[in-house]
C-alpha atoms as a PDB file:
ATOM      1  CA  MET A   1     114.878  92.946 188.877  1.00  0.00           C
ATOM      2  CA  LEU A   2     117.604  95.009 189.713  1.00  0.00           C
ATOM      3  CA  SER A   3     117.385  97.239 186.477  1.00  0.00           C
ATOM      4  CA  GLN A   4     113.886  98.037 186.776  1.00  0.00           C
ATOM      5  CA  GLN A   5     114.407  98.837 190.415  1.00  0.00           C
ATOM      6  CA  LEU A   6     117.053 101.315 189.308  1.00  0.00           C
ATOM      7  CA  TRP A   7     114.761 102.600 186.474  1.00  0.00           C
ATOM      8  CA  GLN A   8     111.931 103.556 188.742  1.00  0.00           C
ATOM      9  CA  SER A   9     113.924 104.653 191.857  1.00  0.00           C
ATOM     10  CA  HIS A  10     115.886 107.449 189.684  1.00  0.00           C
ATOM     11  CA  GLN A  11     113.111 108.988 187.375  1.00  0.00           C
ATOM     12  CA  ASP A  12     114.559 112.325 187.845  1.00  0.00           C
ATOM     13  CA  LEU A  13     117.631 111.274 185.946  1.00  0.00           C
ATOM     14  CA  VAL A  14     116.089 109.375 184.015  1.00  0.00           C
ATOM     15  CA  GLN A  15     114.227 112.250 182.931  1.00  0.00           C
ATOM     16  CA  ALA A  16     117.272 114.520 183.094  1.00  0.00           C
ATOM     17  CA  CYS A  17     118.869 112.424 180.548  1.00  0.00           C
ATOM     18  CA  LEU A  18     115.921 112.020 178.164  1.00  0.00           C
ATOM     19  CA  GLU A  19     115.503 115.782 177.953  1.00  0.00           C
ATOM     20  CA  HIS A  20     119.261 116.732 177.466  1.00  0.00           C
ATOM     21  CA  PRO A  21     119.678 118.699 174.330  1.00  0.00           C
ATOM     22  CA  PHE A  22     122.008 116.105 172.672  1.00  0.00           C
ATOM     23  CA  VAL A  23     119.396 113.360 173.156  1.00  0.00           C
ATOM     24  CA  ARG A  24     116.613 115.693 172.235  1.00  0.00           C
ATOM     25  CA  GLY A  25     118.750 116.631 169.222  1.00  0.00           C
ATOM     26  CA  ILE A  26     118.908 113.106 168.143  1.00  0.00           C
ATOM     27  CA  ALA A  27     115.165 112.546 168.517  1.00  0.00           C
ATOM     28  CA  THR A  28     114.026 115.357 166.591  1.00  0.00           C
ATOM     29  CA  GLY A  29     116.775 115.089 163.805  1.00  0.00           C
ATOM     30  CA  GLU A  30     118.077 118.524 164.722  1.00  0.00           C
ATOM     31  CA  LEU A  31     121.445 117.693 166.240  1.00  0.00           C
ATOM     32  CA  LYS A  32     123.821 119.421 164.163  1.00  0.00           C
ATOM     33  CA  ARG A  33     125.806 116.959 162.096  1.00  0.00           C
ATOM     34  CA  ASP A  34     129.474 118.110 163.565  1.00  0.00           C
ATOM     35  CA  CYS A  35     128.228 117.319 166.878  1.00  0.00           C
ATOM     36  CA  PHE A  36     127.106 114.025 166.189  1.00  0.00           C
ATOM     37  CA  ALA A  37     130.200 113.505 164.526  1.00  0.00           C
ATOM     38  CA  PHE A  38     132.396 114.409 167.446  1.00  0.00           C
ATOM     39  CA  TYR A  39     130.120 112.015 169.657  1.00  0.00           C
ATOM     40  CA  VAL A  40     130.799 109.301 167.310  1.00  0.00           C
ATOM     41  CA  GLY A  41     134.684 109.780 167.428  1.00  0.00           C
ATOM     42  CA  GLN A  42     134.601 110.094 171.132  1.00  0.00           C
ATOM     43  CA  ASP A  43     132.789 106.771 171.438  1.00  0.00           C
ATOM     44  CA  ALA A  44     134.921 104.926 169.102  1.00  0.00           C
ATOM     45  CA  PHE A  45     138.114 105.903 171.124  1.00  0.00           C
ATOM     46  CA  PHE A  46     136.310 105.140 174.499  1.00  0.00           C
ATOM     47  CA  LEU A  47     135.225 101.740 172.845  1.00  0.00           C
ATOM     48  CA  GLU A  48     138.934 100.888 171.718  1.00  0.00           C
ATOM     49  CA  SER A  49     140.133 101.831 175.223  1.00  0.00           C
ATOM     50  CA  PHE A  50     137.998  99.732 176.948  1.00  0.00           C
ATOM     51  CA  ALA A  51     138.624  96.832 174.638  1.00  0.00           C
ATOM     52  CA  ARG A  52     142.124  97.269 175.323  1.00  0.00           C
ATOM     53  CA  ALA A  53     141.478  97.581 179.279  1.00  0.00           C
ATOM     54  CA  TYR A  54     139.285  94.270 179.032  1.00  0.00           C
ATOM     55  CA  SER A  55     142.511  92.653 176.807  1.00  0.00           C
ATOM     56  CA  ILE A  56     145.129  93.461 179.433  1.00  0.00           C
ATOM     57  CA  ALA A  57     142.816  92.305 182.330  1.00  0.00           C
ATOM     58  CA  ALA A  58     142.123  89.132 180.266  1.00  0.00           C
ATOM     59  CA  ALA A  59     146.191  88.450 180.073  1.00  0.00           C
ATOM     60  CA  LYS A  60     146.488  89.344 183.792  1.00  0.00           C
ATOM     61  CA  ALA A  61     143.777  87.269 185.243  1.00  0.00           C
ATOM     62  CA  PRO A  62     144.869  84.689 187.420  1.00  0.00           C
ATOM     63  CA  ASP A  63     142.825  81.822 186.270  1.00  0.00           C
ATOM     64  CA  TRP A  64     141.207  80.701 182.989  1.00  0.00           C
ATOM     65  CA  GLN A  65     137.689  81.993 184.080  1.00  0.00           C
ATOM     66  CA  GLY A  66     139.113  85.291 184.667  1.00  0.00           C
ATOM     67  CA  PHE A  67     140.708  85.154 181.182  1.00  0.00           C
ATOM     68  CA  THR A  68     137.540  83.856 179.328  1.00  0.00           C
ATOM     69  CA  SER A  69     135.340  86.355 180.783  1.00  0.00           C
ATOM     70  CA  PHE A  70     137.558  89.442 180.161  1.00  0.00           C
ATOM     71  CA  HIS A  71     137.989  87.970 176.683  1.00  0.00           C
ATOM     72  CA  ARG A  72     134.094  87.657 176.312  1.00  0.00           C
ATOM     73  CA  LEU A  73     133.996  91.518 177.541  1.00  0.00           C
ATOM     74  CA  ALA A  74     136.474  92.473 174.993  1.00  0.00           C
ATOM     75  CA  ALA A  75     134.695  90.563 172.199  1.00  0.00           C
ATOM     76  CA  GLY A  76     131.517  92.115 173.042  1.00  0.00           C
ATOM     77  CA  VAL A  77     133.291  95.657 172.569  1.00  0.00           C
ATOM     78  CA  LEU A  78     134.769  94.647 169.269  1.00  0.00           C
END
């Protein structure tokens, strides 16, 4: 499976992500509330933008298959 191959071949990146202070702070419960609140706000902004981009792509899709594929992706984000 591709995801397993990527996970195994990039363990240095995996470890760097897992040891990032933000991730460690979530894991230990020591992440400052305002830091987490900022992350949640940024994530909500990103997801809204992503859903809009998928919706625009659906509207511009040249065929029904493309339309339904992008519509499903937008629904997944929502």
